[in-house]
Amino acid sequence: MSTGCKFGAMSVVAALTLAACTSDGFSHGASPTIVCGVTLNKGELGAVFYDIAAKGFNRRSVVSAPTVGGRVFVQVSDVCNQGSQVSITPVDAFRVIRTVWATDHLPVALVLQPLRAVPATLHSYQGGRVVGVLRTDVAKDEISAP
């Protein structure tokens, strides 16, 4: 489902997962980028996907530049049947361009368009506990018109 709405410190429903076109419906690193059977990127270049739900993802790392198409691709759940609640602060830092939904009607993956050159944080929650954090600080010259 595609949306042009801005989302901030609110619950967003989406689910995402990747694989190099494996049987689980995900693609990892290669084009096209597929999450839970939904194609998010068909370009020649594969999108850089930040799997913030993965164990071992460095929560201290900061994304300073978008990837393909000036966008930030984020996986907030590792399975297609259980998504995550998501909050983004500040609320006007990104526009949600695309959401991949889990079967529980929560997001698995998000494609975000940076709107402002401000530090921002995305939190992913499952069952009331934080399962992922992504920090961004995209420079003004890295932001393309929405």
Protein backbone atom coordinates (compact mmCIF):
# COMPACT_ATOMS: atom_id res chain seq x y z
CA MET A 1 0.00 0.00 0.00
CA SER A 2 1.45 3.35 -0.96
CA THR A 3 0.84 6.55 0.95
CA GLY A 4 1.93 10.12 0.55
CA CYS A 5 1.02 11.03 4.13
CA LYS A 6 3.45 12.20 6.76
CA PHE A 7 3.77 9.95 9.81
CA GLY A 8 5.44 10.86 13.03
CA ALA A 9 5.28 9.79 16.64
CA MET A 10 2.31 7.60 15.96
CA SER A 11 1.60 4.00 15.29
CA VAL A 12 2.25 2.97 11.72
CA VAL A 13 1.17 -0.43 10.54
CA ALA A 14 3.65 -2.20 8.27
CA ALA A 15 5.66 -5.37 7.99
CA LEU A 16 8.85 -6.07 6.06
CA THR A 17 11.38 -8.72 5.27
CA LEU A 18 13.96 -9.33 2.53
CA ALA A 19 15.69 -12.20 0.68
CA ALA A 20 17.51 -12.70 -2.62
CA CYS A 21 14.21 -13.80 -4.11
CA THR A 22 13.97 -16.79 -1.81
CA SER A 23 10.85 -18.75 -1.02
CA ASP A 24 10.09 -16.62 2.05
CA GLY A 25 9.18 -13.63 -0.13
CA PHE A 26 12.23 -11.46 0.58
CA SER A 27 15.18 -10.16 -1.43
CA HIS A 28 18.48 -9.06 0.13
CA GLY A 29 20.66 -6.42 -1.50
CA ALA A 30 19.96 -7.28 -5.12
CA SER A 31 17.43 -5.62 -7.37
CA PRO A 32 14.51 -5.96 -7.31
CA THR A 33 13.99 -5.30 -3.59
CA ILE A 34 11.16 -7.56 -2.43
CA VAL A 35 9.65 -7.70 1.06
CA CYS A 36 6.88 -10.15 1.90
CA GLY A 37 6.18 -10.55 -1.80
CA VAL A 38 5.91 -6.77 -2.39
CA THR A 39 8.40 -5.17 -4.80
CA LEU A 40 9.78 -1.94 -3.32
CA ASN A 41 12.52 -1.17 -5.84
CA LYS A 42 12.96 -2.39 -9.42
CA GLY A 43 15.92 -0.22 -10.44
CA GLU A 44 19.30 -1.45 -11.59
CA LEU A 45 20.72 -0.77 -8.15
CA GLY A 46 19.50 -2.64 -5.11
CA ALA A 47 18.33 -0.46 -2.26
CA VAL A 48 20.26 -0.34 1.01
CA PHE A 49 17.86 -1.82 3.53
CA TYR A 50 18.24 -1.13 7.24
CA ASP A 51 16.96 -4.20 9.09
CA ILE A 52 16.49 -2.59 12.49
CA ALA A 53 14.65 -5.64 13.87
CA ALA A 54 17.66 -7.91 13.30
CA LYS A 55 19.57 -9.04 16.34
CA GLY A 56 22.94 -7.34 16.27
CA PHE A 57 21.80 -4.24 14.35
CA ASN A 58 23.91 -1.38 15.74
CA ARG A 59 21.40 1.00 17.32
CA ARG A 60 24.12 3.63 17.64
CA SER A 61 24.75 3.88 13.91
CA VAL A 62 23.40 6.95 12.12
CA VAL A 63 22.10 7.02 8.54
CA SER A 64 23.50 10.19 6.97
CA ALA A 65 22.41 9.71 3.36
CA PRO A 66 19.40 8.15 1.65
CA THR A 67 19.80 5.34 -0.87
CA VAL A 68 18.10 4.63 -4.23
CA GLY A 69 15.79 7.48 -5.27
CA GLY A 70 16.75 9.63 -2.28
CA ARG A 71 14.85 7.30 0.06
CA VAL A 72 15.52 5.38 3.25
CA PHE A 73 14.40 1.71 3.23
CA VAL A 74 13.70 0.27 6.70
CA GLN A 75 12.72 -3.23 7.80
CA VAL A 76 10.91 -3.10 11.15
CA SER A 77 10.00 -6.80 11.51
CA ASP A 78 11.74 -10.01 10.48
CA VAL A 79 8.61 -11.94 9.55
CA CYS A 80 5.63 -11.33 7.30
CA ASN A 81 2.97 -12.43 9.79
CA GLN A 82 3.92 -10.06 12.64
CA GLY A 83 4.59 -6.40 11.99
CA SER A 84 5.63 -3.63 14.34
CA GLN A 85 4.21 -0.39 15.65
CA VAL A 86 6.45 2.46 14.52
CA SER A 87 7.10 5.97 15.74
CA ILE A 88 9.17 8.65 14.02
CA THR A 89 10.35 11.81 15.78
CA PRO A 90 10.22 14.57 14.85
CA VAL A 91 6.95 13.88 13.07
CA ASP A 92 7.81 16.00 10.03
CA ALA A 93 11.24 14.49 9.33
CA PHE A 94 9.96 11.96 6.77
CA ARG A 95 7.07 11.18 4.48
CA VAL A 96 6.11 7.51 4.34
CA ILE A 97 6.22 6.67 0.63
CA ARG A 98 5.45 2.97 0.85
CA THR A 99 4.48 0.47 3.54
CA VAL A 100 4.62 -3.32 3.41
CA TRP A 101 1.99 -4.77 5.72
CA ALA A 102 2.16 -7.95 7.78
CA THR A 103 -0.82 -10.28 7.99
CA ASP A 104 -1.53 -8.77 11.45
CA HIS A 105 -2.02 -5.38 9.70
CA LEU A 106 1.15 -3.83 11.13
CA PRO A 107 4.16 -2.64 9.08
CA VAL A 108 7.02 -4.96 8.15
CA ALA A 109 8.88 -2.39 6.05
CA LEU A 110 8.78 1.31 5.23
CA VAL A 111 10.16 3.42 2.42
CA LEU A 112 10.79 6.93 3.75
CA GLN A 113 11.41 10.21 1.94
CA PRO A 114 13.48 12.65 4.05
CA LEU A 115 11.75 16.04 4.25
CA ARG A 116 14.00 18.05 6.56
CA ALA A 117 17.68 18.12 7.46
CA VAL A 118 17.19 17.32 11.15
CA PRO A 119 18.30 14.43 13.35
CA ALA A 120 15.42 11.95 13.53
CA THR A 121 14.75 8.64 15.25
CA LEU A 122 12.53 5.74 14.22
CA HIS A 123 11.48 3.22 16.89
CA SER A 124 9.92 -0.16 16.15
CA TYR A 125 7.81 -1.86 18.86
CA GLN A 126 6.35 -5.35 19.26
CA GLY A 127 4.30 -6.25 22.31
CA GLY A 128 5.14 -2.92 23.92
CA ARG A 129 8.92 -3.40 23.81
CA VAL A 130 11.43 -1.73 21.51
CA VAL A 131 12.71 -4.17 18.88
CA GLY A 132 14.56 -1.69 16.68
CA VAL A 133 15.92 1.85 16.52
CA LEU A 134 17.17 3.79 13.50
CA ARG A 135 18.80 7.19 13.88
CA THR A 136 19.14 9.50 10.90
CA ASP A 137 20.84 12.82 10.27
CA VAL A 138 20.44 13.46 6.56
CA ALA A 139 22.28 16.50 5.22
CA LYS A 140 20.26 19.19 3.44
CA ASP A 141 22.05 18.54 0.13
CA GLU A 142 20.99 14.85 0.33
CA ILE A 143 17.28 15.69 0.44
CA SER A 144 15.42 15.59 -2.88
CA ALA A 145 12.07 17.25 -3.51
CA PRO A 146 9.13 15.05 -2.42
